[in-house]
């Protein structure tokens, strides 16, 4: 796993947190929830790609 990946996930988390707080304080709780869910989906899609790479590496190491 690259350190860049960890920084990307952390950056997305910080951006989503700031947007969430701004939207909640302005009275837009529904949009804040949607922003949080969108951030979660983006991070999960990124993680699925990394897990796919992990499985490919395991297959190549064990010759499966």
PDB file of N, CA and C in Angstrom:
ATOM      1  N   UNK A   1       0.850  -1.178   0.000  1.00  0.00           N
ATOM      2  CA  UNK A   1       0.000   0.000   0.000  1.00  0.00           C
ATOM      3  C   UNK A   1       0.891   1.236   0.000  1.00  0.00           C
ATOM      4  N   UNK A   2       0.515   2.166  -0.804  1.00  0.00           N
ATOM      5  CA  UNK A   2       1.276   3.399  -0.932  1.00  0.00           C
ATOM      6  C   UNK A   2       0.888   4.392   0.161  1.00  0.00           C
ATOM      7  N   UNK A   3       1.838   5.214   0.532  1.00  0.00           N
ATOM      8  CA  UNK A   3       1.546   6.283   1.486  1.00  0.00           C
ATOM      9  C   UNK A   3       0.623   7.311   0.832  1.00  0.00           C
ATOM     10  N   UNK A   4       0.740   7.464  -0.498  1.00  0.00           N
ATOM     11  CA  UNK A   4      -0.134   8.391  -1.217  1.00  0.00           C
ATOM     12  C   UNK A   4      -1.600   8.006  -1.057  1.00  0.00           C
ATOM     13  N   UNK A   5      -1.883   6.721  -1.060  1.00  0.00           N
ATOM     14  CA  UNK A   5      -3.261   6.255  -0.894  1.00  0.00           C
ATOM     15  C   UNK A   5      -3.815   6.678   0.462  1.00  0.00           C
ATOM     16  N   UNK A   6      -3.001   6.532   1.491  1.00  0.00           N
ATOM     17  CA  UNK A   6      -3.439   6.919   2.837  1.00  0.00           C
ATOM     18  C   UNK A   6      -3.695   8.418   2.896  1.00  0.00           C
ATOM     19  N   UNK A   7      -2.838   9.211   2.259  1.00  0.00           N
ATOM     20  CA  UNK A   7      -3.036  10.656   2.234  1.00  0.00           C
ATOM     21  C   UNK A   7      -4.287  11.036   1.448  1.00  0.00           C
ATOM     22  N   UNK A   8      -4.581  10.315   0.364  1.00  0.00           N
ATOM     23  CA  UNK A   8      -5.793  10.589  -0.405  1.00  0.00           C
ATOM     24  C   UNK A   8      -7.039  10.325   0.429  1.00  0.00           C
ATOM     25  N   UNK A   9      -7.055   9.199   1.128  1.00  0.00           N
ATOM     26  CA  UNK A   9      -8.204   8.861   1.971  1.00  0.00           C
ATOM     27  C   UNK A   9      -8.348   9.883   3.100  1.00  0.00           C
ATOM     28  N   UNK A  10      -7.237  10.268   3.700  1.00  0.00           N
ATOM     29  CA  UNK A  10      -7.291  11.263   4.775  1.00  0.00           C
ATOM     30  C   UNK A  10      -7.758  12.617   4.244  1.00  0.00           C
ATOM     31  N   UNK A  11      -7.303  12.989   3.056  1.00  0.00           N
ATOM     32  CA  UNK A  11      -7.726  14.253   2.459  1.00  0.00           C
ATOM     33  C   UNK A  11      -9.213  14.270   2.168  1.00  0.00           C
ATOM     34  N   UNK A  12      -9.716  13.178   1.634  1.00  0.00           N
ATOM     35  CA  UNK A  12     -11.155  13.091   1.379  1.00  0.00           C
ATOM     36  C   UNK A  12     -11.927  13.170   2.687  1.00  0.00           C
ATOM     37  N   UNK A  13     -11.413  12.513   3.716  1.00  0.00           N
ATOM     38  CA  UNK A  13     -12.072  12.567   5.022  1.00  0.00           C
ATOM     39  C   UNK A  13     -12.116  13.976   5.590  1.00  0.00           C
ATOM     40  N   UNK A  14     -11.032  14.709   5.458  1.00  0.00           N
ATOM     41  CA  UNK A  14     -10.991  16.087   5.969  1.00  0.00           C
ATOM     42  C   UNK A  14     -11.955  16.977   5.193  1.00  0.00           C
ATOM     43  N   UNK A  15     -11.957  16.847   3.862  1.00  0.00           N
ATOM     44  CA  UNK A  15     -12.851  17.667   3.043  1.00  0.00           C
ATOM     45  C   UNK A  15     -14.311  17.369   3.358  1.00  0.00           C
ATOM     46  N   UNK A  16     -14.643  16.087   3.483  1.00  0.00           N
ATOM     47  CA  UNK A  16     -16.027  15.708   3.783  1.00  0.00           C
ATOM     48  C   UNK A  16     -16.426  16.208   5.168  1.00  0.00           C
ATOM     49  N   UNK A  17     -15.537  16.138   6.122  1.00  0.00           N
ATOM     50  CA  UNK A  17     -15.833  16.609   7.470  1.00  0.00           C
ATOM     51  C   UNK A  17     -16.106  18.108   7.486  1.00  0.00           C
ATOM     52  N   UNK A  18     -15.278  18.877   6.792  1.00  0.00           N
ATOM     53  CA  UNK A  18     -15.477  20.332   6.739  1.00  0.00           C
ATOM     54  C   UNK A  18     -16.794  20.662   6.057  1.00  0.00           C
ATOM     55  N   UNK A  19     -17.066  20.016   4.912  1.00  0.00           N
ATOM     56  CA  UNK A  19     -18.329  20.267   4.219  1.00  0.00           C
ATOM     57  C   UNK A  19     -19.521  19.875   5.080  1.00  0.00           C
ATOM     58  N   UNK A  20     -19.404  18.763   5.788  1.00  0.00           N
ATOM     59  CA  UNK A  20     -20.481  18.322   6.664  1.00  0.00           C
ATOM     60  C   UNK A  20     -20.762  19.356   7.745  1.00  0.00           C
ATOM     61  N   UNK A  21     -19.733  19.845   8.382  1.00  0.00           N
ATOM     62  CA  UNK A  21     -19.922  20.833   9.441  1.00  0.00           C
ATOM     63  C   UNK A  21     -20.520  22.133   8.908  1.00  0.00           C
ATOM     64  N   UNK A  22     -20.053  22.574   7.737  1.00  0.00           N
ATOM     65  CA  UNK A  22     -20.603  23.790   7.144  1.00  0.00           C
ATOM     66  C   UNK A  22     -22.085  23.634   6.817  1.00  0.00           C
ATOM     67  N   UNK A  23     -22.444  22.488   6.257  1.00  0.00           N
ATOM     68  CA  UNK A  23     -23.840  22.273   5.888  1.00  0.00           C
ATOM     69  C   UNK A  23     -24.735  22.113   7.114  1.00  0.00           C
ATOM     70  N   UNK A  24     -24.248  21.438   8.145  1.00  0.00           N
ATOM     71  CA  UNK A  24     -25.057  21.271   9.357  1.00  0.00           C
ATOM     72  C   UNK A  24     -25.292  22.622  10.035  1.00  0.00           C
ATOM     73  N   UNK A  25     -24.264  23.438  10.092  1.00  0.00           N
ATOM     74  CA  UNK A  25     -24.414  24.744  10.750  1.00  0.00           C
ATOM     75  C   UNK A  25     -25.291  25.702   9.961  1.00  0.00           C
ATOM     76  N   UNK A  26     -25.422  25.469   8.657  1.00  0.00           N
ATOM     77  CA  UNK A  26     -26.297  26.325   7.852  1.00  0.00           C
ATOM     78  C   UNK A  26     -27.715  25.759   7.760  1.00  0.00           C
ATOM     79  N   UNK A  27     -27.967  24.651   8.461  1.00  0.00           N
ATOM     80  CA  UNK A  27     -29.312  24.100   8.532  1.00  0.00           C
ATOM     81  C   UNK A  27     -29.663  23.157   7.405  1.00  0.00           C
ATOM     82  N   UNK A  28     -28.693  22.630   6.719  1.00  0.00           N
ATOM     83  CA  UNK A  28     -28.947  21.716   5.602  1.00  0.00           C
ATOM     84  C   UNK A  28     -28.466  20.312   5.975  1.00  0.00           C
ATOM     85  N   UNK A  29     -29.177  19.719   6.912  1.00  0.00           N
ATOM     86  CA  UNK A  29     -28.766  18.413   7.425  1.00  0.00           C
ATOM     87  C   UNK A  29     -28.856  17.320   6.364  1.00  0.00           C
ATOM     88  N   UNK A  30     -29.873  17.378   5.491  1.00  0.00           N
ATOM     89  CA  UNK A  30     -30.025  16.345   4.459  1.00  0.00           C
ATOM     90  C   UNK A  30     -28.853  16.383   3.483  1.00  0.00           C
ATOM     91  N   UNK A  31     -28.456  17.583   3.087  1.00  0.00           N
ATOM     92  CA  UNK A  31     -27.326  17.697   2.171  1.00  0.00           C
ATOM     93  C   UNK A  31     -26.020  17.289   2.851  1.00  0.00           C
ATOM     94  N   UNK A  32     -25.915  17.537   4.146  1.00  0.00           N
ATOM     95  CA  UNK A  32     -24.732  17.107   4.890  1.00  0.00           C
ATOM     96  C   UNK A  32     -24.640  15.589   4.916  1.00  0.00           C
ATOM     97  N   UNK A  33     -25.778  14.935   5.101  1.00  0.00           N
ATOM     98  CA  UNK A  33     -25.788  13.467   5.104  1.00  0.00           C
ATOM     99  C   UNK A  33     -25.422  12.922   3.735  1.00  0.00           C
ATOM    100  N   UNK A  34     -25.936  13.527   2.684  1.00  0.00           N
ATOM    101  CA  UNK A  34     -25.620  13.077   1.328  1.00  0.00           C
ATOM    102  C   UNK A  34     -24.136  13.290   1.017  1.00  0.00           C
ATOM    103  N   UNK A  35     -23.563  14.375   1.501  1.00  0.00           N
ATOM    104  CA  UNK A  35     -22.135  14.626   1.301  1.00  0.00           C
ATOM    105  C   UNK A  35     -21.308  13.554   2.008  1.00  0.00           C
ATOM    106  N   UNK A  36     -21.704  13.208   3.211  1.00  0.00           N
ATOM    107  CA  UNK A  36     -21.005  12.176   3.962  1.00  0.00           C
ATOM    108  C   UNK A  36     -21.099  10.822   3.252  1.00  0.00           C
ATOM    109  N   UNK A  37     -22.280  10.495   2.769  1.00  0.00           N
ATOM    110  CA  UNK A  37     -22.445   9.227   2.056  1.00  0.00           C
ATOM    111  C   UNK A  37     -21.648   9.205   0.756  1.00  0.00           C
ATOM    112  N   UNK A  38     -21.604  10.325   0.049  1.00  0.00           N
ATOM    113  CA  UNK A  38     -20.829  10.387  -1.193  1.00  0.00           C
ATOM    114  C   UNK A  38     -19.341  10.191  -0.902  1.00  0.00           C
ATOM    115  N   UNK A  39     -18.845  10.811   0.158  1.00  0.00           N
ATOM    116  CA  UNK A  39     -17.449  10.619   0.543  1.00  0.00           C
ATOM    117  C   UNK A  39     -17.150   9.183   0.907  1.00  0.00           C
ATOM    118  N   UNK A  40     -18.072   8.556   1.603  1.00  0.00           N
ATOM    119  CA  UNK A  40     -17.908   7.153   1.976  1.00  0.00           C
ATOM    120  C   UNK A  40     -17.861   6.258   0.747  1.00  0.00           C
ATOM    121  N   UNK A  41     -18.738   6.513  -0.214  1.00  0.00           N
ATOM    122  CA  UNK A  41     -18.759   5.706  -1.441  1.00  0.00           C
ATOM    123  C   UNK A  41     -17.459   5.873  -2.215  1.00  0.00           C
ATOM    124  N   UNK A  42     -16.957   7.104  -2.308  1.00  0.00           N
ATOM    125  CA  UNK A  42     -15.705   7.341  -3.035  1.00  0.00           C
ATOM    126  C   UNK A  42     -14.554   6.575  -2.391  1.00  0.00           C
ATOM    127  N   UNK A  43     -14.469   6.628  -1.072  1.00  0.00           N
ATOM    128  CA  UNK A  43     -13.388   5.928  -0.375  1.00  0.00           C
ATOM    129  C   UNK A  43     -13.541   4.410  -0.522  1.00  0.00           C
ATOM    130  N   UNK A  44     -14.760   3.908  -0.447  1.00  0.00           N
ATOM    131  CA  UNK A  44     -14.966   2.469  -0.605  1.00  0.00           C
ATOM    132  C   UNK A  44     -14.585   1.998  -2.004  1.00  0.00           C
ATOM    133  N   UNK A  45     -14.885   2.794  -3.026  1.00  0.00           N
ATOM    134  CA  UNK A  45     -14.486   2.436  -4.392  1.00  0.00           C
ATOM    135  C   UNK A  45     -12.970   2.407  -4.502  1.00  0.00           C
ATOM    136  N   UNK A  46     -12.296   3.360  -3.864  1.00  0.00           N
ATOM    137  CA  UNK A  46     -10.833   3.366  -3.884  1.00  0.00           C
ATOM    138  C   UNK A  46     -10.289   2.124  -3.180  1.00  0.00           C
ATOM    139  N   UNK A  47     -10.884   1.742  -2.073  1.00  0.00           N
ATOM    140  CA  UNK A  47     -10.415   0.582  -1.314  1.00  0.00           C
ATOM    141  C   UNK A  47     -10.648  -0.707  -2.091  1.00  0.00           C
ATOM    142  N   UNK A  48     -11.757  -0.795  -2.825  1.00  0.00           N
ATOM    143  CA  UNK A  48     -12.026  -1.991  -3.620  1.00  0.00           C
ATOM    144  C   UNK A  48     -10.929  -2.181  -4.668  1.00  0.00           C
ATOM    145  N   UNK A  49     -10.463  -1.089  -5.271  1.00  0.00           N
ATOM    146  CA  UNK A  49      -9.371  -1.187  -6.235  1.00  0.00           C
ATOM    147  C   UNK A  49      -8.096  -1.710  -5.601  1.00  0.00           C
ATOM    148  N   UNK A  50      -7.792  -1.258  -4.412  1.00  0.00           N
ATOM    149  CA  UNK A  50      -6.582  -1.707  -3.715  1.00  0.00           C
ATOM    150  C   UNK A  50      -6.709  -3.179  -3.319  1.00  0.00           C
ATOM    151  N   UNK A  51      -7.898  -3.590  -2.890  1.00  0.00           N
ATOM    152  CA  UNK A  51      -8.097  -4.994  -2.522  1.00  0.00           C
ATOM    153  C   UNK A  51      -7.962  -5.886  -3.749  1.00  0.00           C
ATOM    154  N   UNK A  52      -8.436  -5.411  -4.903  1.00  0.00           N
ATOM    155  CA  UNK A  52      -8.256  -6.168  -6.145  1.00  0.00           C
ATOM    156  C   UNK A  52      -6.785  -6.358  -6.470  1.00  0.00           C
ATOM    157  N   UNK A  53      -5.999  -5.310  -6.286  1.00  0.00           N
ATOM    158  CA  UNK A  53      -4.553  -5.424  -6.496  1.00  0.00           C
ATOM    159  C   UNK A  53      -3.927  -6.412  -5.515  1.00  0.00           C
ATOM    160  N   UNK A  54      -4.403  -6.402  -4.283  1.00  0.00           N
ATOM    161  CA  UNK A  54      -3.903  -7.340  -3.279  1.00  0.00           C
ATOM    162  C   UNK A  54      -4.164  -8.788  -3.700  1.00  0.00           C
ATOM    163  N   UNK A  55      -5.374  -9.065  -4.176  1.00  0.00           N
ATOM    164  CA  UNK A  55      -5.694 -10.424  -4.615  1.00  0.00           C
ATOM    165  C   UNK A  55      -4.836 -10.830  -5.804  1.00  0.00           C
ATOM    166  N   UNK A  56      -4.597  -9.909  -6.731  1.00  0.00           N
ATOM    167  CA  UNK A  56      -3.728 -10.223  -7.872  1.00  0.00           C
ATOM    168  C   UNK A  56      -2.309 -10.549  -7.411  1.00  0.00           C
ATOM    169  N   UNK A  57      -1.823  -9.813  -6.426  1.00  0.00           N
ATOM    170  CA  UNK A  57      -0.486 -10.067  -5.893  1.00  0.00           C
ATOM    171  C   UNK A  57      -0.412 -11.430  -5.208  1.00  0.00           C
ATOM    172  N   UNK A  58      -1.437 -11.752  -4.429  1.00  0.00           N
ATOM    173  CA  UNK A  58      -1.473 -13.051  -3.745  1.00  0.00           C
ATOM    174  C   UNK A  58      -1.520 -14.183  -4.769  1.00  0.00           C
ATOM    175  N   UNK A  59      -2.306 -14.006  -5.830  1.00  0.00           N
ATOM    176  CA  UNK A  59      -2.367 -15.031  -6.884  1.00  0.00           C
ATOM    177  C   UNK A  59      -1.002 -15.230  -7.539  1.00  0.00           C
ATOM    178  N   UNK A  60      -0.317 -14.137  -7.822  1.00  0.00           N
ATOM    179  CA  UNK A  60       0.982 -14.273  -8.477  1.00  0.00           C
ATOM    180  C   UNK A  60       2.034 -14.867  -7.555  1.00  0.00           C
ATOM    181  N   UNK A  61       1.963 -14.576  -6.267  1.00  0.00           N
ATOM    182  CA  UNK A  61       2.940 -15.113  -5.323  1.00  0.00           C
ATOM    183  C   UNK A  61       2.766 -16.616  -5.171  1.00  0.00           C
ATOM    184  N   UNK A  62       1.530 -17.087  -5.064  1.00  0.00           N
ATOM    185  CA  UNK A  62       1.287 -18.501  -4.845  1.00  0.00           C
ATOM    186  C   UNK A  62       1.054 -19.271  -6.130  1.00  0.00           C
ATOM    187  N   UNK A  63       1.096 -18.587  -7.268  1.00  0.00           N
ATOM    188  CA  UNK A  63       0.953 -19.250  -8.550  1.00  0.00           C
ATOM    189  C   UNK A  63      -0.423 -19.841  -8.792  1.00  0.00           C
ATOM    190  N   UNK A  64      -1.431 -19.152  -8.345  1.00  0.00           N
ATOM    191  CA  UNK A  64      -2.814 -19.659  -8.507  1.00  0.00           C
ATOM    192  C   UNK A  64      -3.406 -19.192  -9.809  1.00  0.00           C
TER     193      UNK A  64
END
